[in-house]
């Protein structure tokens, strides 16, 4: 019942952000004053509810008039002895003022988010907040990098929620089904970057991969492979959060019925061996902050929403996308 109570409590928080105004009280009510909140680059580490408001939410509200939020996946579960709630969806508003050096478009704009929150006694004490800032930049015509992994970048634009429209899992799920779902994804992850593409049997032929905007999104397992295989080949010594490499790990990995999630900060370790995101290889080891949500249908994975902190990866390769934006003003 703890997981259900946490999900319902977080749904009340999300509902408070579903219309402009009321953000201050909602944040103060659910985050502890010393909560450790990790947000993608350029925010990184934030401590406490008030700092989260001042550093992230209030500037976003100032830039996006009428800012509101819509969640289309919300699940909960346990990992490593801790209780978690996770969600993903969009912030939206009228992009009226500059934000992070991104010039306003003067119209409706969307910012995709994905969040993981660790609960203690009904309040959030630790968070990981992913934002697809490149998606906003591409939509605004201000993404400075033309190159992308694979032959072509996939579809970039507004990404939908689950086809079944049941992503808000505000009920109890069968524990056996949840465990089976978590095991399925863990096994699949351990078969990525294999020569025989051993991950394929876990996926439906017409699966949809909703990727970070710098990579794009793909429908169908062959189109996804057309991205995934070249992406893997751009690196050597590849290992992820489901592996025991002593560097990266999943801070959480759990399932809630047919929905599964993972997150790592970082989650992926790889040595760059080819040009990636327009940056030539310098043989550097890159650590990537990655998170995923999957939806299972029967014994196959059919939908997968993915975030990668692309600006942080670029910074490790020596390219500061936000400094470049400032230089273009």
Protein backbone atom coordinates (compact mmCIF):
# COMPACT_ATOMS: atom_id res chain seq x y z
CA UNK A 1 0.00 0.00 0.00
CA UNK A 2 2.98 2.33 0.44
CA UNK A 3 3.58 2.42 -3.31
CA UNK A 4 -0.08 3.19 -4.01
CA UNK A 5 -0.12 5.98 -1.41
CA UNK A 6 3.07 7.49 -2.88
CA UNK A 7 1.61 7.37 -6.40
CA UNK A 8 -1.59 9.05 -5.27
CA UNK A 9 0.32 11.70 -3.34
CA UNK A 10 2.49 12.44 -6.35
CA UNK A 11 -0.58 12.59 -8.61
CA UNK A 12 -1.90 15.39 -6.37
CA UNK A 13 1.39 17.23 -6.88
CA UNK A 14 1.23 16.75 -10.65
CA UNK A 15 -2.38 17.94 -10.65
CA UNK A 16 -1.33 21.12 -8.86
CA UNK A 17 1.09 21.82 -11.73
CA UNK A 18 -1.52 21.06 -14.39
CA UNK A 19 -2.64 24.69 -14.45
CA UNK A 20 -0.62 27.91 -14.13
CA UNK A 21 0.09 29.04 -10.57
CA UNK A 22 0.24 27.12 -7.32
CA UNK A 23 3.69 25.68 -7.98
CA UNK A 24 5.25 27.08 -4.80
CA UNK A 25 2.95 25.36 -2.34
CA UNK A 26 2.91 22.10 -4.28
CA UNK A 27 6.72 21.88 -4.27
CA UNK A 28 7.00 22.82 -0.59
CA UNK A 29 4.40 20.20 0.38
CA UNK A 30 6.03 17.21 -1.29
CA UNK A 31 9.81 17.90 -1.34
CA UNK A 32 11.78 18.01 1.90
CA UNK A 33 13.81 21.14 2.50
CA UNK A 34 17.06 19.19 2.11
CA UNK A 35 15.98 16.96 -0.78
CA UNK A 36 18.80 16.09 -3.18
CA UNK A 37 17.49 17.02 -6.61
CA UNK A 38 19.54 16.18 -9.70
CA UNK A 39 18.50 17.92 -12.92
CA UNK A 40 20.14 17.57 -16.33
CA UNK A 41 22.93 19.92 -17.43
CA UNK A 42 23.22 22.90 -17.02
CA UNK A 43 21.36 22.61 -13.68
CA UNK A 44 22.96 19.46 -12.24
CA UNK A 45 22.84 19.36 -8.41
CA UNK A 46 20.17 21.29 -6.49
CA UNK A 47 19.48 20.99 -2.77
CA UNK A 48 16.02 21.52 -1.32
CA UNK A 49 12.55 22.54 -2.38
CA UNK A 50 13.19 26.27 -2.39
CA UNK A 51 16.33 25.97 -4.50
CA UNK A 52 14.44 23.76 -6.97
CA UNK A 53 11.83 26.48 -7.33
CA UNK A 54 14.34 29.31 -7.63
CA UNK A 55 16.75 27.53 -9.96
CA UNK A 56 14.45 25.62 -12.26
CA UNK A 57 10.68 26.07 -11.95
CA UNK A 58 10.41 29.82 -11.43
CA UNK A 59 12.71 30.71 -14.37
CA UNK A 60 10.77 28.23 -16.51
CA UNK A 61 7.50 29.89 -15.47
CA UNK A 62 8.95 33.30 -16.32
CA UNK A 63 9.97 32.15 -19.80
CA UNK A 64 6.86 30.06 -20.57
CA UNK A 65 3.79 32.18 -19.86
CA UNK A 66 0.88 30.09 -18.60
CA UNK A 67 3.22 27.18 -17.85
CA UNK A 68 1.39 23.93 -17.19
CA UNK A 69 2.29 20.27 -16.93
CA UNK A 70 0.79 17.01 -18.22
CA UNK A 71 1.99 13.56 -17.10
CA UNK A 72 1.15 10.53 -19.25
CA UNK A 73 3.04 7.83 -17.33
CA UNK A 74 3.08 7.60 -13.54
CA UNK A 75 4.14 4.41 -11.76
CA UNK A 76 5.67 3.34 -8.47
CA UNK A 77 7.74 0.56 -6.99
CA UNK A 78 10.71 -0.46 -4.91
CA UNK A 79 14.40 -0.87 -5.71
CA UNK A 80 17.33 -1.46 -3.41
CA UNK A 81 15.15 -1.14 -0.32
CA UNK A 82 13.80 2.28 -1.34
CA UNK A 83 10.39 3.42 -2.54
CA UNK A 84 10.16 5.28 -5.86
CA UNK A 85 7.63 7.09 -8.02
CA UNK A 86 8.41 7.87 -11.65
CA UNK A 87 6.62 9.89 -14.31
CA UNK A 88 7.06 11.41 -17.73
CA UNK A 89 5.18 13.92 -19.86
CA UNK A 90 5.43 17.55 -20.97
CA UNK A 91 5.59 21.09 -19.66
CA UNK A 92 3.98 23.55 -22.04
CA UNK A 93 3.38 27.27 -22.32
CA UNK A 94 3.73 30.39 -24.44
CA UNK A 95 7.49 30.72 -25.02
CA UNK A 96 7.74 34.47 -24.42
CA UNK A 97 11.20 35.03 -22.92
CA UNK A 98 14.66 33.53 -23.33
CA UNK A 99 15.47 30.42 -21.31
CA UNK A 100 19.01 29.00 -20.98
CA UNK A 101 20.00 31.15 -23.95
CA UNK A 102 17.27 29.66 -26.16
CA UNK A 103 15.47 32.53 -27.86
CA UNK A 104 11.68 32.63 -27.45
CA UNK A 105 9.49 31.56 -30.33
CA UNK A 106 6.53 33.71 -29.34
CA UNK A 107 4.21 30.72 -29.52
CA UNK A 108 3.22 27.46 -27.87
CA UNK A 109 6.26 25.37 -26.94
CA UNK A 110 6.79 22.03 -25.21
CA UNK A 111 9.50 20.74 -22.88
CA UNK A 112 9.52 16.98 -22.34
CA UNK A 113 10.38 15.81 -18.82
CA UNK A 114 11.02 12.52 -17.08
CA UNK A 115 11.35 12.25 -13.31
CA UNK A 116 12.27 9.73 -10.61
CA UNK A 117 11.54 10.49 -6.97
CA UNK A 118 12.58 8.55 -3.87
CA UNK A 119 10.04 8.77 -1.08
CA UNK A 120 10.44 8.54 2.67
CA UNK A 121 7.43 8.93 4.95
CA UNK A 122 5.34 10.32 2.12
CA UNK A 123 7.76 13.03 0.98
CA UNK A 124 10.46 13.26 -1.68
CA UNK A 125 14.04 13.13 -0.40
CA UNK A 126 15.91 12.45 -3.64
CA UNK A 127 15.09 13.15 -7.30
CA UNK A 128 16.46 12.77 -10.81
CA UNK A 129 14.88 15.09 -13.37
CA UNK A 130 15.55 14.58 -17.08
CA UNK A 131 14.63 17.23 -19.65
CA UNK A 132 14.83 16.94 -23.43
CA UNK A 133 16.24 20.42 -23.92
CA UNK A 134 17.50 19.56 -27.44
CA UNK A 135 13.90 18.80 -28.45
CA UNK A 136 12.91 22.34 -27.50
CA UNK A 137 15.94 23.75 -29.32
CA UNK A 138 15.21 21.77 -32.49
CA UNK A 139 11.56 22.85 -32.46
CA UNK A 140 12.73 26.46 -32.07
CA UNK A 141 15.23 26.09 -34.93
CA UNK A 142 18.20 26.63 -32.64
CA UNK A 143 19.93 23.22 -32.46
CA UNK A 144 23.52 23.88 -33.57
CA UNK A 145 24.56 20.31 -34.46
CA UNK A 146 23.66 18.85 -37.84
CA UNK A 147 25.15 15.38 -37.37
CA UNK A 148 23.44 12.55 -35.50
CA UNK A 149 24.06 8.83 -34.93
CA UNK A 150 23.19 6.49 -37.76
CA UNK A 151 22.32 7.32 -41.34
CA UNK A 152 19.51 9.72 -40.54
CA UNK A 153 18.05 11.25 -37.44
CA UNK A 154 14.62 9.80 -36.69
CA UNK A 155 11.40 11.71 -36.21
CA UNK A 156 11.77 14.71 -33.92
CA UNK A 157 8.76 16.42 -32.41
CA UNK A 158 6.03 16.02 -29.83
CA UNK A 159 6.03 12.45 -28.49
CA UNK A 160 2.76 10.79 -27.46
CA UNK A 161 1.99 8.82 -24.33
CA UNK A 162 1.07 5.12 -24.28
CA UNK A 163 -1.12 3.84 -27.11
CA UNK A 164 -3.30 2.18 -24.48
CA UNK A 165 -3.76 5.50 -22.62
CA UNK A 166 -3.32 3.75 -19.27
CA UNK A 167 0.06 5.12 -18.23
CA UNK A 168 -1.23 6.59 -14.96
CA UNK A 169 -1.07 3.40 -12.90
CA UNK A 170 -3.00 4.68 -9.87
CA UNK A 171 -3.88 1.24 -8.58
CA UNK A 172 -2.22 -1.91 -7.26
CA UNK A 173 -0.73 -4.30 -9.81
CA UNK A 174 -0.09 -8.02 -9.54
CA UNK A 175 3.38 -8.36 -7.93
CA UNK A 176 4.17 -11.45 -9.99
CA UNK A 177 3.41 -9.58 -13.23
CA UNK A 178 5.55 -6.64 -12.10
CA UNK A 179 8.46 -8.95 -11.25
CA UNK A 180 8.17 -10.71 -14.62
CA UNK A 181 8.21 -7.34 -16.43
CA UNK A 182 11.29 -6.16 -14.52
CA UNK A 183 13.12 -9.41 -15.28
CA UNK A 184 12.25 -9.14 -18.98
CA UNK A 185 13.78 -5.67 -19.30
CA UNK A 186 16.85 -6.53 -17.21
CA UNK A 187 17.57 -9.52 -19.46
CA UNK A 188 17.06 -7.41 -22.60
CA UNK A 189 19.40 -4.68 -21.37
CA UNK A 190 22.17 -7.20 -20.78
CA UNK A 191 21.93 -8.25 -24.43
CA UNK A 192 22.43 -4.82 -25.94
CA UNK A 193 25.66 -4.25 -27.84
CA UNK A 194 25.93 -7.96 -28.79
CA UNK A 195 27.16 -9.05 -32.21
CA UNK A 196 24.10 -11.21 -32.83
CA UNK A 197 21.70 -8.44 -31.70
CA UNK A 198 20.40 -10.74 -28.96
CA UNK A 199 18.02 -8.01 -27.76
CA UNK A 200 15.70 -8.50 -30.75
CA UNK A 201 13.47 -11.34 -29.39
CA UNK A 202 12.25 -9.13 -26.56
CA UNK A 203 10.68 -6.58 -28.91
CA UNK A 204 7.51 -6.53 -31.00
CA UNK A 205 8.18 -6.19 -34.73
CA UNK A 206 6.24 -2.92 -34.81
CA UNK A 207 7.65 -1.48 -31.61
CA UNK A 208 8.04 2.29 -31.19
CA UNK A 209 11.21 3.81 -29.74
CA UNK A 210 10.62 7.38 -28.55
CA UNK A 211 14.20 8.62 -28.39
CA UNK A 212 15.87 11.84 -27.27
CA UNK A 213 15.49 14.52 -29.90
CA UNK A 214 19.17 14.55 -30.93
CA UNK A 215 18.70 10.88 -31.93
CA UNK A 216 15.07 10.91 -33.01
CA UNK A 217 12.28 8.31 -32.77
CA UNK A 218 11.65 5.18 -34.81
CA UNK A 219 8.81 2.74 -35.48
CA UNK A 220 9.50 -0.90 -36.34
CA UNK A 221 12.34 -3.07 -35.14
CA UNK A 222 14.32 -2.77 -38.40
CA UNK A 223 14.20 1.03 -38.34
CA UNK A 224 15.20 1.01 -34.68
CA UNK A 225 18.10 -1.33 -35.47
CA UNK A 226 19.15 1.13 -38.18
CA UNK A 227 19.77 3.59 -35.37
CA UNK A 228 20.82 1.32 -32.52
CA UNK A 229 23.55 -0.66 -34.30
CA UNK A 230 25.45 2.41 -35.66
CA UNK A 231 24.98 4.06 -32.26
CA UNK A 232 26.63 1.08 -30.56
CA UNK A 233 29.39 1.01 -33.19
CA UNK A 234 30.33 4.62 -32.40
CA UNK A 235 31.69 3.32 -29.07
CA UNK A 236 33.83 0.56 -27.65
CA UNK A 237 33.94 -0.97 -24.15
CA UNK A 238 30.19 -0.43 -23.86
CA UNK A 239 28.49 -1.24 -20.55
CA UNK A 240 25.27 -0.07 -18.95
CA UNK A 241 23.46 0.28 -15.66
CA UNK A 242 22.34 -3.34 -15.60
CA UNK A 243 26.01 -4.42 -15.78
CA UNK A 244 28.48 -4.63 -12.92
CA UNK A 245 31.27 -2.37 -14.16
CA UNK A 246 31.95 -0.52 -10.90
CA UNK A 247 31.25 2.91 -12.44
CA UNK A 248 27.68 3.13 -13.75
CA UNK A 249 24.56 1.74 -12.16
CA UNK A 250 20.82 2.15 -12.08
CA UNK A 251 19.69 4.22 -9.11
CA UNK A 252 16.34 2.52 -9.69
CA UNK A 253 14.92 -0.24 -11.85
CA UNK A 254 11.41 -1.56 -11.22
CA UNK A 255 8.13 -2.49 -12.85
CA UNK A 256 4.52 -1.66 -12.07
CA UNK A 257 2.42 -4.18 -13.96
CA UNK A 258 3.21 -3.82 -17.67
CA UNK A 259 5.26 -0.62 -17.21
CA UNK A 260 8.97 -0.80 -16.49
CA UNK A 261 11.50 1.94 -15.82
CA UNK A 262 15.21 2.39 -15.25
CA UNK A 263 17.39 5.39 -14.52
CA UNK A 264 21.12 5.93 -14.08
CA UNK A 265 23.17 9.00 -13.20
CA UNK A 266 25.25 7.90 -15.09
CA UNK A 267 23.80 4.74 -16.59
CA UNK A 268 26.02 4.12 -19.61
CA UNK A 269 29.81 3.95 -19.88
CA UNK A 270 31.45 3.84 -23.30
CA UNK A 271 34.64 4.89 -25.06
CA UNK A 272 33.99 7.07 -28.11
CA UNK A 273 35.61 5.48 -31.18
CA UNK A 274 33.85 7.34 -34.02
CA UNK A 275 32.38 10.77 -34.68
CA UNK A 276 29.30 11.24 -32.51
CA UNK A 277 26.89 14.19 -32.51
CA UNK A 278 29.25 15.97 -34.85
CA UNK A 279 32.19 15.64 -32.46
CA UNK A 280 35.28 13.70 -33.62
CA UNK A 281 36.53 10.89 -31.45
CA UNK A 282 39.25 11.72 -28.95
CA UNK A 283 39.13 8.27 -27.39
CA UNK A 284 37.41 9.63 -24.29
CA UNK A 285 35.36 7.56 -21.88
CA UNK A 286 31.88 9.06 -21.78
CA UNK A 287 29.40 8.61 -18.95
CA UNK A 288 25.78 9.09 -20.01
CA UNK A 289 22.81 9.95 -17.83
CA UNK A 290 20.03 7.80 -19.30
CA UNK A 291 16.51 6.77 -18.33
CA UNK A 292 13.78 4.66 -19.92
CA UNK A 293 10.15 3.68 -19.59
CA UNK A 294 8.83 0.62 -21.42
CA UNK A 295 5.33 -0.70 -21.99
CA UNK A 296 4.89 -4.41 -22.30
CA UNK A 297 2.12 -6.13 -24.29
CA UNK A 298 1.95 -9.86 -23.72
CA UNK A 299 5.53 -11.12 -23.84
CA UNK A 300 6.92 -8.32 -26.02
CA UNK A 301 8.06 -4.75 -25.42
CA UNK A 302 6.02 -2.44 -27.64
CA UNK A 303 6.83 1.13 -26.58
CA UNK A 304 9.95 2.72 -25.09
CA UNK A 305 10.40 6.35 -23.99
CA UNK A 306 14.05 7.38 -23.60
CA UNK A 307 16.03 10.36 -22.30
CA UNK A 308 19.77 10.98 -22.58
CA UNK A 309 21.32 14.10 -21.08
CA UNK A 310 22.79 15.13 -24.44
CA UNK A 311 24.16 18.54 -23.31
CA UNK A 312 26.14 16.75 -20.56
CA UNK A 313 27.52 14.22 -23.07
CA UNK A 314 28.55 17.05 -25.42
CA UNK A 315 30.25 18.84 -22.54
CA UNK A 316 32.34 15.73 -21.86
CA UNK A 317 33.39 15.83 -25.52
CA UNK A 318 34.46 19.47 -25.13
CA UNK A 319 31.41 21.19 -26.63
CA UNK A 320 29.27 23.48 -24.45
CA UNK A 321 25.98 23.88 -26.30
CA UNK A 322 24.80 26.65 -23.97
CA UNK A 323 27.94 28.74 -24.44
CA UNK A 324 27.47 28.34 -28.18
CA UNK A 325 23.89 29.63 -27.84
CA UNK A 326 25.10 32.67 -25.91
CA UNK A 327 27.67 33.37 -28.60
CA UNK A 328 24.95 33.36 -31.24
CA UNK A 329 22.80 35.96 -29.47
